[in-house]
Amino acid sequence: MAESMTFADAAYRLLEESGQPRHYRWLTEEALNRGLIATAGKTPEATMYASIFIEIRSEIPGKRPSRFVKTGRGMFGLAEWEVEKPTPKKATASTDVRYFVFVVNTSEGVKGELTARQIYSRLMKLKTWGIGKSTAYRRDITEGIRVVFYQAGKGGQNFLGTATVASPLHQVTAERAQKWRDAGVEPRWEYELSLAEIERWAEPKPVVSMIQHLDFISNKEHFGVHFQGGVRRISEADYYKIIEFKPPKGKATLLPEKGAEFTHAQVQGMLVELGNLLGYDTYSANQSPTYRDTTIGELVTLETLPDFTSKRILNTVRQIDVIWLEDEFPVCCFEVEHSTDVTKGLLRMHQLARFQSQFFIVAPEETRHKFETETSKAPFYQNRDRYFFRSYQEVEALYKLTKQFVERRNDFLNE
C-alpha cells in the first residue's frame, strides 16, 4: 500500500501524472483506490475539495504560492501549467477515464412498443447495453468508461442514471439475444457490453434545467442534435455537472404584489429562487414556511447541508436562513433579520470565515446603521470586506430583473 499523504499532496501527484485538469471527485476516488490517502470520514470528496480550495484562497504571492488553480466548476489544475504548458502524460488505466452519454429512445419490443424508460429499466436489470455496428465512438467504448443515460424523445429529455462499462464490446450471441427477448426487448444491436456500478436515479434530471451549464451542448436552442446517434462523448467536467445537479422540487409562479409589505418568508423565498436561477445549489434552515404557491422546502435543491466541515460548525451553519452552494461548499450566506438580532446572524455566518464565503445581512433599510456598527467590531472587522448589507428592496429588484431575464431567455430559446 502506498504511503499515506495529505489530500492536497495526493491531488498534486495525481494532477501531475494526468497532465490535465481533473474533477475533485475523480481525484478523491483515485487517491482512495491507490491508497494515497487514508480517512475514516464519510465525505472524503468534501475534504479533498476543501484542501485544494483553501490552499488556493490562502495564497500569498511571492511568499506562499498555491500549487493549484480552479479551471471550472469542480475542476482543478496545477498553477505551474499557467506558466509552462503541461507535458502530455502517457495515459494509464486509471488516468484515462472517459465519459459518455448513452441515449435510449422509444422502440419496438417483443410484444409491441416499449417506452424509452421501459427499455432502460429492463436493460439495467440485465446489466447490459446494446451498441450498433455503425454507432459513433463504438471503437472508443472500452472497459472502465463511465456512462450517464439519457432518455430522448417526447416525454423524455431526462438524464436517468449512471453506470460503469464492465466488459469489452462483444457481439451479441444467440444465447444473449434470447435473454433480451425474455425480458421483452428486441435485440436490434449487433454488439453489447456489460455494466457495473449501476445507479438508477429515483427522480430523472431534466436536461432543460441544466442546459446552460453543460459545455458539450453548444446549440442551446436545438439541444436535441447533441444526443443523436445513440452515443455522445462528454468531458469529465460535464459528467460530474450532470450527476451532481439537484433540480428544485417546486416552482413559484406568482410575482410579489406591488407595494406589499415584506415578510421573512417572502424575502427568504426570493433568495432561494435567486440562487436557483443563478445556478447555485440552495439550502434554507427553515423549509416549512409557505411561499406564494409552494413552500421553501419545495424550492431548495438541498434538504440538508453536505458534510463539508466539522459537526460542531455544521450545527451552527444549519441555522443560517439561506445558503448558496457550489461544489457542495457555501459561496454566499444570507441572514434575513426581519425582527431578530443582527449580531446573532453575523456570528452564525462567521463560523464559515475560513471558507472565504460572502456574508449578507438582509433587512429593512433602517437596520443598515446597526450592521455598520457591528461589523466594525471583533471578530467581524478582520473580514469586513466579506460582509454586506442588502435591503429588502435591493433583493426584490435583483429578483425581478433575474426572473425577467430568465423568462425572456427561455422564450428566445423556445425552452
Protein backbone atom coordinates (compact mmCIF):
# COMPACT_ATOMS: atom_id res chain seq x y z
CA MET A 1 0.00 0.00 0.00
CA ALA A 2 1.33 3.44 -0.89
CA GLU A 3 2.29 5.82 1.89
CA SER A 4 -0.49 7.94 3.28
CA MET A 5 -0.39 11.53 2.04
CA THR A 6 -2.33 14.69 2.76
CA PHE A 7 -5.31 15.24 0.49
CA ALA A 8 -3.64 18.22 -1.19
CA ASP A 9 -0.38 16.32 -1.78
CA ALA A 10 -2.31 13.39 -3.26
CA ALA A 11 -4.20 15.77 -5.55
CA TYR A 12 -0.93 17.32 -6.70
CA ARG A 13 0.58 13.92 -7.53
CA LEU A 14 -2.48 12.79 -9.49
CA LEU A 15 -2.72 16.06 -11.43
CA GLU A 16 0.97 15.89 -12.24
CA GLU A 17 0.56 12.33 -13.53
CA SER A 18 -2.57 13.16 -15.53
CA GLY A 19 -1.19 16.29 -17.13
CA GLN A 20 -4.71 17.72 -17.39
CA PRO A 21 -7.34 19.30 -15.09
CA ARG A 22 -9.43 16.79 -13.14
CA HIS A 23 -12.63 16.91 -11.10
CA TYR A 24 -12.21 16.79 -7.34
CA ARG A 25 -14.44 13.71 -7.13
CA TRP A 26 -12.19 11.87 -9.58
CA LEU A 27 -9.13 12.94 -7.57
CA THR A 28 -10.76 11.59 -4.40
CA GLU A 29 -11.78 8.26 -5.95
CA GLU A 30 -8.36 7.72 -7.50
CA ALA A 31 -6.49 8.68 -4.32
CA LEU A 32 -8.60 6.24 -2.28
CA ASN A 33 -8.29 3.44 -4.85
CA ARG A 34 -4.50 3.79 -4.88
CA GLY A 35 -4.20 4.15 -1.12
CA LEU A 36 -2.65 7.60 -1.32
CA ILE A 37 -4.94 8.92 1.41
CA ALA A 38 -6.48 7.38 4.50
CA THR A 39 -9.67 8.68 6.05
CA ALA A 40 -12.49 7.50 8.26
CA GLY A 41 -14.71 10.39 7.23
CA LYS A 42 -17.97 9.84 5.38
CA THR A 43 -17.35 12.61 2.83
CA PRO A 44 -13.73 12.40 1.67
CA GLU A 45 -14.62 14.26 -1.54
CA ALA A 46 -15.61 17.28 0.59
CA THR A 47 -12.27 17.11 2.38
CA MET A 48 -10.44 16.92 -0.95
CA TYR A 49 -12.27 19.95 -2.33
CA ALA A 50 -11.69 21.95 0.87
CA SER A 51 -7.98 21.10 0.96
CA ILE A 52 -7.42 22.33 -2.60
CA PHE A 53 -9.79 25.27 -2.29
CA ILE A 54 -8.24 26.55 0.95
CA GLU A 55 -4.72 26.35 -0.50
CA ILE A 56 -5.84 28.46 -3.47
CA ARG A 57 -7.64 31.03 -1.31
CA SER A 58 -4.76 31.22 1.21
CA GLU A 59 -2.17 32.03 -1.44
CA ILE A 60 0.20 34.95 -0.73
CA PRO A 61 2.03 35.77 -3.99
CA GLY A 62 5.77 35.54 -3.57
CA LYS A 63 5.53 34.07 -0.07
CA ARG A 64 3.03 31.22 -0.04
CA PRO A 65 2.11 30.26 -3.60
CA SER A 66 -0.70 27.84 -4.33
CA ARG A 67 0.08 24.72 -6.31
CA PHE A 68 -3.45 24.65 -7.70
CA VAL A 69 -5.80 26.72 -9.87
CA LYS A 70 -9.52 26.28 -10.39
CA THR A 71 -10.25 25.66 -14.07
CA GLY A 72 -14.02 25.18 -13.92
CA ARG A 73 -16.85 24.04 -11.71
CA GLY A 74 -15.31 21.30 -9.56
CA MET A 75 -12.25 21.15 -11.84
CA PHE A 76 -8.68 21.85 -10.74
CA GLY A 77 -5.31 22.05 -12.46
CA LEU A 78 -1.75 22.94 -11.47
CA ALA A 79 -0.62 26.55 -11.22
CA GLU A 80 2.64 25.68 -12.94
CA TRP A 81 0.72 24.85 -16.11
CA GLU A 82 -0.22 28.51 -16.49
CA VAL A 83 3.47 29.37 -16.77
CA GLU A 84 4.59 26.33 -18.68
CA LYS A 85 2.31 24.18 -20.82
CA PRO A 86 1.95 20.76 -19.18
CA THR A 87 3.77 17.88 -20.80
CA PRO A 88 1.24 15.33 -22.03
CA LYS A 89 1.44 12.20 -19.91
CA LYS A 90 1.09 8.67 -21.15
CA ALA A 91 -2.41 7.53 -20.24
CA THR A 92 -2.69 4.72 -17.70
CA ALA A 93 -5.65 2.50 -16.95
CA SER A 94 -6.58 4.82 -14.08
CA THR A 95 -5.97 8.24 -15.60
CA ASP A 96 -7.55 7.53 -19.00
CA VAL A 97 -11.11 7.56 -17.71
CA ARG A 98 -13.54 8.58 -20.41
CA TYR A 99 -17.13 9.71 -20.12
CA PHE A 100 -20.10 9.10 -22.43
CA VAL A 101 -23.82 9.69 -22.73
CA PHE A 102 -25.81 6.63 -23.85
CA VAL A 103 -29.15 7.59 -25.41
CA VAL A 104 -32.31 5.49 -25.19
CA ASN A 105 -35.42 6.04 -27.33
CA THR A 106 -38.86 4.50 -27.64
CA SER A 107 -38.63 1.31 -29.71
CA GLU A 108 -40.49 -1.82 -30.75
CA GLY A 109 -40.20 -4.62 -28.20
CA VAL A 110 -41.07 -8.30 -28.46
CA LYS A 111 -44.77 -7.63 -27.71
CA GLY A 112 -45.30 -4.13 -29.02
CA GLU A 113 -43.82 -0.72 -28.47
CA LEU A 114 -41.75 -0.06 -25.37
CA THR A 115 -41.15 3.39 -23.94
CA ALA A 116 -37.59 4.58 -23.54
CA ARG A 117 -37.94 4.29 -19.77
CA GLN A 118 -39.12 0.66 -20.05
CA ILE A 119 -36.18 -0.26 -22.27
CA TYR A 120 -33.76 1.44 -19.90
CA SER A 121 -35.26 -0.31 -16.85
CA ARG A 122 -35.10 -3.78 -18.44
CA LEU A 123 -31.54 -3.38 -19.69
CA MET A 124 -30.42 -2.20 -16.25
CA LYS A 125 -31.86 -5.37 -14.73
CA LEU A 126 -29.89 -7.39 -17.30
CA LYS A 127 -26.84 -5.20 -16.54
CA THR A 128 -26.15 -4.78 -20.22
CA TRP A 129 -26.38 -2.28 -23.10
CA GLY A 130 -26.59 -2.62 -26.86
CA ILE A 131 -24.41 -0.84 -29.42
CA GLY A 132 -24.98 -0.82 -33.20
CA LYS A 133 -22.20 -1.53 -35.69
CA SER A 134 -22.48 1.98 -37.15
CA THR A 135 -22.69 3.77 -33.79
CA ALA A 136 -20.29 6.69 -33.41
CA TYR A 137 -17.47 6.21 -30.88
CA ARG A 138 -18.02 2.43 -30.98
CA ARG A 139 -14.27 1.79 -31.00
CA ASP A 140 -13.79 4.14 -28.04
CA ILE A 141 -16.17 2.22 -25.78
CA THR A 142 -13.92 0.11 -23.57
CA GLU A 143 -13.98 -1.37 -20.11
CA GLY A 144 -13.85 1.24 -17.35
CA ILE A 145 -15.59 4.14 -19.10
CA ARG A 146 -18.32 5.93 -17.17
CA VAL A 147 -21.76 6.42 -18.64
CA VAL A 148 -24.75 8.64 -17.96
CA PHE A 149 -28.01 7.51 -19.57
CA TYR A 150 -30.27 9.96 -21.39
CA GLN A 151 -33.94 9.46 -22.26
CA ALA A 152 -34.66 11.15 -25.58
CA GLY A 153 -37.87 11.88 -27.42
CA LYS A 154 -41.29 13.12 -26.40
CA GLY A 155 -41.88 12.89 -22.68
CA GLY A 156 -38.18 12.39 -22.12
CA GLN A 157 -35.23 14.74 -22.33
CA ASN A 158 -34.06 13.50 -18.95
CA PHE A 159 -30.87 12.00 -17.55
CA LEU A 160 -31.78 8.73 -15.82
CA GLY A 161 -28.71 7.38 -14.05
CA THR A 162 -25.11 6.19 -14.37
CA ALA A 163 -23.05 3.04 -14.76
CA THR A 164 -19.52 1.84 -15.48
CA VAL A 165 -18.73 -0.34 -18.50
CA ALA A 166 -17.54 -3.68 -17.12
CA SER A 167 -16.53 -5.56 -20.29
CA PRO A 168 -15.13 -5.03 -23.77
CA LEU A 169 -17.65 -4.61 -26.57
CA HIS A 170 -18.58 -8.03 -27.98
CA GLN A 171 -21.03 -9.42 -30.49
CA VAL A 172 -24.49 -10.45 -29.32
CA THR A 173 -24.67 -14.24 -29.28
CA ALA A 174 -27.85 -16.22 -29.92
CA GLU A 175 -27.97 -17.12 -26.22
CA ARG A 176 -27.68 -13.48 -25.14
CA ALA A 177 -30.24 -12.37 -27.73
CA GLN A 178 -32.73 -14.82 -26.21
CA LYS A 179 -32.17 -13.34 -22.74
CA TRP A 180 -33.02 -9.93 -24.16
CA ARG A 181 -36.20 -11.31 -25.74
CA ASP A 182 -37.15 -12.99 -22.46
CA ALA A 183 -37.01 -9.52 -20.92
CA GLY A 184 -39.28 -8.21 -23.69
CA VAL A 185 -36.56 -6.27 -25.54
CA GLU A 186 -35.91 -6.98 -29.19
CA PRO A 187 -32.10 -7.14 -29.72
CA ARG A 188 -31.68 -4.70 -32.60
CA TRP A 189 -27.99 -4.11 -31.87
CA GLU A 190 -25.07 -6.17 -33.12
CA TYR A 191 -22.88 -5.59 -30.05
CA GLU A 192 -23.38 -5.48 -26.32
CA LEU A 193 -21.38 -4.71 -23.20
CA SER A 194 -21.76 -5.48 -19.50
CA LEU A 195 -22.45 -2.81 -16.90
CA ALA A 196 -21.46 -2.46 -13.25
CA GLU A 197 -21.90 0.15 -10.52
CA ILE A 198 -25.37 0.90 -11.87
CA GLU A 199 -27.15 3.82 -10.22
CA ARG A 200 -30.74 4.49 -11.26
CA TRP A 201 -31.94 7.86 -10.05
CA ALA A 202 -35.29 7.92 -8.28
CA GLU A 203 -36.01 11.28 -9.91
CA PRO A 204 -34.86 11.89 -13.52
CA LYS A 205 -32.91 15.09 -14.14
CA PRO A 206 -34.37 17.30 -16.90
CA VAL A 207 -31.75 18.46 -19.37
CA VAL A 208 -33.51 21.83 -19.76
CA SER A 209 -32.74 22.61 -16.11
CA MET A 210 -29.01 22.32 -16.63
CA ILE A 211 -28.59 23.13 -20.31
CA GLN A 212 -26.80 26.42 -19.65
CA HIS A 213 -24.15 24.65 -17.56
CA LEU A 214 -23.22 21.83 -19.99
CA ASP A 215 -20.34 22.68 -22.30
CA PHE A 216 -20.95 19.84 -24.77
CA ILE A 217 -24.34 21.37 -25.63
CA SER A 218 -23.19 24.27 -27.78
CA ASN A 219 -26.54 24.68 -29.57
CA LYS A 220 -28.72 25.66 -26.60
CA GLU A 221 -31.76 26.32 -28.79
CA HIS A 222 -31.78 22.91 -30.50
CA PHE A 223 -30.01 20.80 -27.88
CA GLY A 224 -31.50 17.58 -29.22
CA VAL A 225 -28.89 17.48 -32.01
CA HIS A 226 -26.27 16.72 -29.38
CA PHE A 227 -27.98 13.41 -28.48
CA GLN A 228 -28.28 11.98 -31.97
CA GLY A 229 -26.52 8.75 -32.86
CA GLY A 230 -27.02 6.90 -29.60
CA VAL A 231 -23.65 7.69 -28.03
CA ARG A 232 -22.04 11.02 -27.21
CA ARG A 233 -18.64 11.58 -25.63
CA ILE A 234 -18.54 14.28 -22.94
CA SER A 235 -15.92 15.85 -20.72
CA GLU A 236 -15.18 14.87 -17.15
CA ALA A 237 -16.48 18.26 -16.03
CA ASP A 238 -19.83 17.80 -17.79
CA TYR A 239 -20.19 14.27 -16.41
CA TYR A 240 -19.90 15.50 -12.84
CA LYS A 241 -22.13 18.50 -13.51
CA ILE A 242 -24.88 16.08 -14.52
CA ILE A 243 -24.55 13.67 -11.61
CA GLU A 244 -24.24 16.48 -9.04
CA PHE A 245 -27.14 18.54 -10.35
CA LYS A 246 -30.10 18.77 -7.96
CA PRO A 247 -33.16 20.44 -9.54
CA PRO A 248 -35.58 22.28 -7.25
CA LYS A 249 -38.68 20.28 -6.40
CA GLY A 250 -41.17 23.09 -6.84
CA LYS A 251 -41.63 26.35 -8.68
CA ALA A 252 -43.09 29.62 -7.50
CA THR A 253 -45.09 31.30 -10.22
CA LEU A 254 -46.64 34.34 -8.59
CA LEU A 255 -44.84 37.69 -8.53
CA PRO A 256 -44.78 39.85 -5.39
CA GLU A 257 -47.73 42.16 -5.09
CA LYS A 258 -46.79 45.75 -5.75
CA GLY A 259 -46.49 47.69 -2.53
CA ALA A 260 -46.98 44.58 -0.37
CA GLU A 261 -45.24 44.56 3.00
CA PHE A 262 -42.27 42.22 3.11
CA THR A 263 -42.35 39.14 5.34
CA HIS A 264 -39.45 36.96 6.44
CA ALA A 265 -40.74 34.04 4.32
CA GLN A 266 -41.15 36.23 1.24
CA VAL A 267 -37.56 37.51 1.37
CA GLN A 268 -36.26 34.03 2.21
CA GLY A 269 -38.12 32.59 -0.78
CA MET A 270 -36.82 35.24 -3.17
CA LEU A 271 -33.25 34.49 -2.06
CA VAL A 272 -33.75 30.76 -2.66
CA GLU A 273 -35.25 31.40 -6.09
CA LEU A 274 -32.41 33.78 -6.96
CA GLY A 275 -29.84 31.13 -6.05
CA ASN A 276 -31.62 28.58 -8.24
CA LEU A 277 -31.87 30.99 -11.17
CA LEU A 278 -28.17 31.84 -10.90
CA GLY A 279 -27.13 28.18 -11.00
CA TYR A 280 -26.27 27.52 -7.35
CA ASP A 281 -27.46 24.74 -5.09
CA THR A 282 -29.65 26.20 -2.37
CA TYR A 283 -30.31 25.39 1.29
CA SER A 284 -32.60 27.02 3.87
CA ALA A 285 -32.71 26.48 7.61
CA ASN A 286 -36.49 26.72 7.86
CA GLN A 287 -38.13 24.95 4.93
CA SER A 288 -41.71 24.84 6.21
CA PRO A 289 -42.97 28.42 5.55
CA THR A 290 -45.42 28.92 2.73
CA TYR A 291 -44.02 30.99 -0.12
CA ARG A 292 -46.56 32.06 -2.76
CA ASP A 293 -47.98 28.87 -4.29
CA THR A 294 -45.45 26.46 -2.74
CA THR A 295 -43.13 26.11 0.27
CA ILE A 296 -39.49 26.95 0.86
CA GLY A 297 -38.78 23.22 1.16
CA GLU A 298 -40.10 22.58 -2.33
CA LEU A 299 -37.81 25.24 -3.81
CA VAL A 300 -34.44 24.42 -2.25
CA THR A 301 -32.22 21.95 -4.10
CA LEU A 302 -30.69 20.62 -0.86
CA GLU A 303 -32.80 19.37 2.02
CA THR A 304 -29.71 19.07 4.23
CA LEU A 305 -26.25 20.60 4.12
CA PRO A 306 -23.37 18.47 2.81
CA ASP A 307 -20.84 17.45 5.50
CA PHE A 308 -18.15 19.84 4.26
CA THR A 309 -16.76 20.66 7.73
CA SER A 310 -16.90 19.57 11.39
CA LYS A 311 -20.17 18.68 13.10
CA ARG A 312 -19.68 21.50 15.59
CA ILE A 313 -19.58 24.13 12.86
CA LEU A 314 -22.31 22.45 10.82
CA ASN A 315 -24.70 22.52 13.77
CA THR A 316 -24.46 26.31 13.76
CA VAL A 317 -24.33 26.80 9.99
CA ARG A 318 -27.54 24.78 9.53
CA GLN A 319 -29.39 27.63 11.25
CA ILE A 320 -28.48 30.20 8.55
CA ASP A 321 -31.58 31.38 6.70
CA VAL A 322 -30.36 30.81 3.11
CA ILE A 323 -27.10 29.47 1.70
CA TRP A 324 -25.99 29.29 -1.94
CA LEU A 325 -23.52 26.46 -2.60
CA GLU A 326 -21.21 25.45 -5.40
CA ASP A 327 -19.50 22.05 -5.46
CA GLU A 328 -21.10 21.39 -2.03
CA PHE A 329 -19.41 24.39 -0.41
CA PRO A 330 -21.06 27.64 0.72
CA VAL A 331 -20.47 30.59 -1.59
CA CYS A 332 -22.98 33.14 -0.25
CA CYS A 333 -24.80 33.12 3.10
CA PHE A 334 -27.87 35.22 3.91
CA GLU A 335 -29.44 36.08 7.24
CA VAL A 336 -32.86 37.72 6.94
CA GLU A 337 -33.17 39.94 10.01
CA HIS A 338 -36.86 40.77 9.98
CA SER A 339 -37.23 41.09 13.73
CA THR A 340 -34.17 39.30 15.15
CA ASP A 341 -30.75 40.45 16.32
CA VAL A 342 -28.22 41.34 13.61
CA THR A 343 -25.31 40.21 15.80
CA LYS A 344 -26.60 36.63 16.14
CA GLY A 345 -26.88 36.33 12.36
CA LEU A 346 -23.35 37.67 11.90
CA LEU A 347 -21.98 35.18 14.43
CA ARG A 348 -23.64 32.23 12.70
CA MET A 349 -22.11 33.21 9.36
CA HIS A 350 -18.74 33.93 10.96
CA GLN A 351 -18.33 30.18 11.54
CA LEU A 352 -17.58 29.93 7.81
CA ALA A 353 -14.85 32.58 7.72
CA ARG A 354 -12.17 30.04 6.81
CA PHE A 355 -14.10 29.04 3.67
CA GLN A 356 -13.90 32.52 2.13
CA SER A 357 -17.67 32.71 1.75
CA GLN A 358 -19.51 36.03 1.41
CA PHE A 359 -21.95 37.03 4.13
CA PHE A 360 -25.11 39.10 3.72
CA ILE A 361 -27.45 40.66 6.22
CA VAL A 362 -30.81 41.28 4.53
CA ALA A 363 -33.05 43.61 6.49
CA PRO A 364 -35.11 46.81 6.38
CA GLU A 365 -33.10 49.86 5.36
CA GLU A 366 -33.22 51.33 8.88
CA THR A 367 -31.10 48.38 10.09
CA ARG A 368 -28.11 49.38 7.93
CA HIS A 369 -26.54 51.57 10.66
CA LYS A 370 -26.70 48.69 13.17
CA PHE A 371 -24.95 46.45 10.62
CA GLU A 372 -22.18 49.02 10.04
CA THR A 373 -21.60 49.34 13.77
CA GLU A 374 -21.44 45.62 14.46
CA THR A 375 -19.14 44.74 11.56
CA SER A 376 -16.61 47.32 12.78
CA LYS A 377 -16.13 45.25 15.95
CA ALA A 378 -14.34 41.96 16.65
CA PRO A 379 -14.47 39.31 15.35
CA PHE A 380 -16.07 40.65 12.17
CA TYR A 381 -13.77 43.56 11.34
CA GLN A 382 -10.94 41.21 10.33
CA ASN A 383 -13.09 40.06 7.39
CA ARG A 384 -15.03 43.30 6.95
CA ASP A 385 -14.69 43.16 3.15
CA ARG A 386 -16.77 39.99 3.06
CA TYR A 387 -19.80 41.29 5.00
CA PHE A 388 -22.54 43.09 3.08
CA PHE A 389 -25.86 44.70 3.87
CA ARG A 390 -28.76 44.44 1.43
CA SER A 391 -32.19 45.95 1.93
CA TYR A 392 -35.41 44.11 1.09
CA GLN A 393 -35.89 46.46 -1.85
CA GLU A 394 -32.44 45.60 -3.26
CA VAL A 395 -33.20 41.89 -3.08
CA GLU A 396 -36.59 42.37 -4.74
CA ALA A 397 -35.09 44.49 -7.54
CA LEU A 398 -32.45 41.87 -8.38
CA TYR A 399 -35.03 39.09 -8.12
CA LYS A 400 -37.36 40.77 -10.61
CA LEU A 401 -34.57 41.54 -13.08
CA THR A 402 -33.19 37.99 -12.91
CA LYS A 403 -36.65 36.44 -13.26
CA GLN A 404 -37.41 38.61 -16.29
CA PHE A 405 -34.07 37.79 -17.88
CA VAL A 406 -34.54 34.02 -17.47
CA GLU A 407 -38.11 34.16 -18.79
CA ARG A 408 -37.05 36.18 -21.85
CA ARG A 409 -34.09 33.88 -22.41
CA ASN A 410 -36.35 30.82 -22.29
CA ASP A 411 -38.80 32.45 -24.72
CA PHE A 412 -35.96 33.37 -27.05
CA LEU A 413 -34.53 29.85 -26.96
CA ASN A 414 -38.01 28.30 -27.18
CA GLU A 415 -37.44 26.31 -23.98
